[in-house]
Amino acid sequence: MKLDPLRTLPGLVAAGLVGRDGLALETVGEGGEALAAELAALRAGAERVGRRLGAGTVSRFALTGDGVEILALTSGDYVLGAALTRGVDTRPAGQVLARLIQDLTLPEDADD
């Protein structure tokens, strides 16, 4: 599965990969389906703010709550996000998410 590298991250609560249509393509963890369902809406809101501020394309956003931190990256039609226990170093998750989203959006013949 594409999201398997996320399973080993310390503090991972849930992760999800969603298409622009809002349908979950893959999830990890008990809250994965819920996270995936909200990622498309979060992306739409982030893109709206980006347009209104003239910030250009939004490629990354983060939210912090009382108990979790959510990191999400976008590329093409995909949103990939992970919810981590608050207080855990999010840098490793950011690196894994960046690698995964890049792999998802590479052309099929990129390895040739």
C-alpha atoms as a PDB file:
ATOM      1  CA  MET A   1       0.000   0.000   0.000  1.00  0.00           C
ATOM      2  CA  LYS A   2       1.172   3.517  -0.778  1.00  0.00           C
ATOM      3  CA  LEU A   3       0.822   4.810   2.781  1.00  0.00           C
ATOM      4  CA  ASP A   4       2.707   1.979   4.490  1.00  0.00           C
ATOM      5  CA  PRO A   5       5.792   4.166   5.204  1.00  0.00           C
ATOM      6  CA  LEU A   6       3.581   6.349   7.417  1.00  0.00           C
ATOM      7  CA  ARG A   7       2.645   3.439   9.699  1.00  0.00           C
ATOM      8  CA  THR A   8       6.033   3.526  11.450  1.00  0.00           C
ATOM      9  CA  LEU A   9       5.986   7.238  12.297  1.00  0.00           C
ATOM     10  CA  PRO A  10       6.033   7.968  16.021  1.00  0.00           C
ATOM     11  CA  GLY A  11       2.730   9.410  17.196  1.00  0.00           C
ATOM     12  CA  LEU A  12       0.768   8.639  14.036  1.00  0.00           C
ATOM     13  CA  VAL A  13      -2.955   8.719  14.787  1.00  0.00           C
ATOM     14  CA  ALA A  14      -4.289   8.539  11.234  1.00  0.00           C
ATOM     15  CA  ALA A  15      -3.375   9.233   7.630  1.00  0.00           C
ATOM     16  CA  GLY A  16      -5.293   9.562   4.421  1.00  0.00           C
ATOM     17  CA  LEU A  17      -4.901  10.018   0.705  1.00  0.00           C
ATOM     18  CA  VAL A  18      -7.814  11.617  -1.094  1.00  0.00           C
ATOM     19  CA  GLY A  19      -8.561  12.695  -4.653  1.00  0.00           C
ATOM     20  CA  ARG A  20     -10.047  16.045  -5.648  1.00  0.00           C
ATOM     21  CA  ASP A  21     -13.474  14.375  -5.718  1.00  0.00           C
ATOM     22  CA  GLY A  22     -13.218  13.813  -1.967  1.00  0.00           C
ATOM     23  CA  LEU A  23     -13.087  10.032  -2.154  1.00  0.00           C
ATOM     24  CA  ALA A  24     -10.522   8.308   0.045  1.00  0.00           C
ATOM     25  CA  LEU A  25      -7.996   6.345  -1.990  1.00  0.00           C
ATOM     26  CA  GLU A  26      -6.212   4.909   1.043  1.00  0.00           C
ATOM     27  CA  THR A  27      -6.302   5.397   4.805  1.00  0.00           C
ATOM     28  CA  VAL A  28      -4.306   4.357   7.866  1.00  0.00           C
ATOM     29  CA  GLY A  29      -5.534   4.197  11.452  1.00  0.00           C
ATOM     30  CA  GLU A  30      -8.956   4.279  13.051  1.00  0.00           C
ATOM     31  CA  GLY A  31      -9.451   7.947  12.179  1.00  0.00           C
ATOM     32  CA  GLY A  32      -8.115   7.594   8.644  1.00  0.00           C
ATOM     33  CA  GLU A  33     -11.517   7.641   6.951  1.00  0.00           C
ATOM     34  CA  ALA A  34     -12.607  10.731   8.890  1.00  0.00           C
ATOM     35  CA  LEU A  35      -9.330  12.515   8.147  1.00  0.00           C
ATOM     36  CA  ALA A  36      -9.531  11.679   4.450  1.00  0.00           C
ATOM     37  CA  ALA A  37     -13.113  12.925   4.277  1.00  0.00           C
ATOM     38  CA  GLU A  38     -12.059  16.309   5.647  1.00  0.00           C
ATOM     39  CA  LEU A  39      -8.831  16.739   3.674  1.00  0.00           C
ATOM     40  CA  ALA A  40     -10.638  17.665   0.451  1.00  0.00           C
ATOM     41  CA  ALA A  41     -12.672  20.320   2.277  1.00  0.00           C
ATOM     42  CA  LEU A  42      -9.552  21.653   3.993  1.00  0.00           C
ATOM     43  CA  ARG A  43      -7.824  21.858   0.627  1.00  0.00           C
ATOM     44  CA  ALA A  44     -10.726  23.796  -0.884  1.00  0.00           C
ATOM     45  CA  GLY A  45     -10.623  26.258   2.000  1.00  0.00           C
ATOM     46  CA  ALA A  46      -6.841  26.639   1.819  1.00  0.00           C
ATOM     47  CA  GLU A  47      -7.003  27.229  -1.940  1.00  0.00           C
ATOM     48  CA  ARG A  48      -9.725  29.851  -1.465  1.00  0.00           C
ATOM     49  CA  VAL A  49      -7.613  31.701   1.104  1.00  0.00           C
ATOM     50  CA  GLY A  50      -4.570  31.409  -1.159  1.00  0.00           C
ATOM     51  CA  ARG A  51      -6.459  32.942  -4.085  1.00  0.00           C
ATOM     52  CA  ARG A  52      -7.890  35.770  -1.992  1.00  0.00           C
ATOM     53  CA  LEU A  53      -4.467  36.639  -0.624  1.00  0.00           C
ATOM     54  CA  GLY A  54      -2.729  36.255  -3.974  1.00  0.00           C
ATOM     55  CA  ALA A  55      -0.543  33.521  -2.474  1.00  0.00           C
ATOM     56  CA  GLY A  56      -0.705  31.227  -5.480  1.00  0.00           C
ATOM     57  CA  THR A  57      -1.117  27.482  -5.308  1.00  0.00           C
ATOM     58  CA  VAL A  58      -1.330  26.015  -1.818  1.00  0.00           C
ATOM     59  CA  SER A  59       0.906  22.958  -1.595  1.00  0.00           C
ATOM     60  CA  ARG A  60       1.126  22.447   2.179  1.00  0.00           C
ATOM     61  CA  PHE A  61      -0.981  23.256   5.198  1.00  0.00           C
ATOM     62  CA  ALA A  62      -0.922  22.384   8.882  1.00  0.00           C
ATOM     63  CA  LEU A  63      -3.425  22.539  11.727  1.00  0.00           C
ATOM     64  CA  THR A  64      -2.783  22.193  15.423  1.00  0.00           C
ATOM     65  CA  GLY A  65      -5.452  21.106  17.878  1.00  0.00           C
ATOM     66  CA  ASP A  66      -5.374  20.283  21.557  1.00  0.00           C
ATOM     67  CA  GLY A  67      -4.437  16.661  20.932  1.00  0.00           C
ATOM     68  CA  VAL A  68      -3.242  16.354  17.339  1.00  0.00           C
ATOM     69  CA  GLU A  69      -1.291  18.112  14.638  1.00  0.00           C
ATOM     70  CA  ILE A  70      -2.366  17.587  11.052  1.00  0.00           C
ATOM     71  CA  LEU A  71       0.089  17.997   8.196  1.00  0.00           C
ATOM     72  CA  ALA A  72      -1.195  17.882   4.640  1.00  0.00           C
ATOM     73  CA  LEU A  73       0.438  18.230   1.249  1.00  0.00           C
ATOM     74  CA  THR A  74      -1.249  18.687  -2.099  1.00  0.00           C
ATOM     75  CA  SER A  75      -0.112  17.932  -5.601  1.00  0.00           C
ATOM     76  CA  GLY A  76      -2.207  17.616  -8.715  1.00  0.00           C
ATOM     77  CA  ASP A  77      -5.503  16.020  -7.760  1.00  0.00           C
ATOM     78  CA  TYR A  78      -4.208  14.531  -4.514  1.00  0.00           C
ATOM     79  CA  VAL A  79      -4.204  15.567  -0.872  1.00  0.00           C
ATOM     80  CA  LEU A  80      -2.107  13.487   1.490  1.00  0.00           C
ATOM     81  CA  GLY A  81      -2.328  14.117   5.201  1.00  0.00           C
ATOM     82  CA  ALA A  82      -1.281  12.713   8.543  1.00  0.00           C
ATOM     83  CA  ALA A  83      -2.598  13.368  12.033  1.00  0.00           C
ATOM     84  CA  LEU A  84       0.050  13.069  14.742  1.00  0.00           C
ATOM     85  CA  THR A  85      -0.139  13.227  18.509  1.00  0.00           C
ATOM     86  CA  ARG A  86       0.540  16.801  19.539  1.00  0.00           C
ATOM     87  CA  GLY A  87       4.067  17.324  20.816  1.00  0.00           C
ATOM     88  CA  VAL A  88       5.657  14.733  18.538  1.00  0.00           C
ATOM     89  CA  ASP A  89       8.345  16.059  16.179  1.00  0.00           C
ATOM     90  CA  THR A  90       6.499  16.507  12.868  1.00  0.00           C
ATOM     91  CA  ARG A  91       9.605  16.830  10.686  1.00  0.00           C
ATOM     92  CA  PRO A  92       9.919  13.095   9.937  1.00  0.00           C
ATOM     93  CA  ALA A  93       6.244  12.992   8.950  1.00  0.00           C
ATOM     94  CA  GLY A  94       6.718  16.008   6.704  1.00  0.00           C
ATOM     95  CA  GLN A  95       9.625  14.306   4.955  1.00  0.00           C
ATOM     96  CA  VAL A  96       7.715  11.056   4.413  1.00  0.00           C
ATOM     97  CA  LEU A  97       4.618  12.914   3.186  1.00  0.00           C
ATOM     98  CA  ALA A  98       6.740  14.927   0.736  1.00  0.00           C
ATOM     99  CA  ARG A  99       8.337  11.783  -0.665  1.00  0.00           C
ATOM    100  CA  LEU A 100       4.991  10.005  -0.992  1.00  0.00           C
ATOM    101  CA  ILE A 101       3.190  12.902  -2.685  1.00  0.00           C
ATOM    102  CA  GLN A 102       6.080  13.274  -5.121  1.00  0.00           C
ATOM    103  CA  ASP A 103       5.923   9.565  -5.958  1.00  0.00           C
ATOM    104  CA  LEU A 104       2.170   9.851  -6.562  1.00  0.00           C
ATOM    105  CA  THR A 105       2.537  12.668  -9.050  1.00  0.00           C
ATOM    106  CA  LEU A 106       5.567  11.472 -11.012  1.00  0.00           C
ATOM    107  CA  PRO A 107       4.894  10.472 -14.612  1.00  0.00           C
ATOM    108  CA  GLU A 108       4.733   6.705 -15.154  1.00  0.00           C
ATOM    109  CA  ASP A 109       8.007   6.684 -17.111  1.00  0.00           C
ATOM    110  CA  ALA A 110       9.957   8.875 -14.646  1.00  0.00           C
ATOM    111  CA  ASP A 111      12.121   5.953 -13.541  1.00  0.00           C
ATOM    112  CA  ASP A 112      13.311   5.191 -17.075  1.00  0.00           C
END
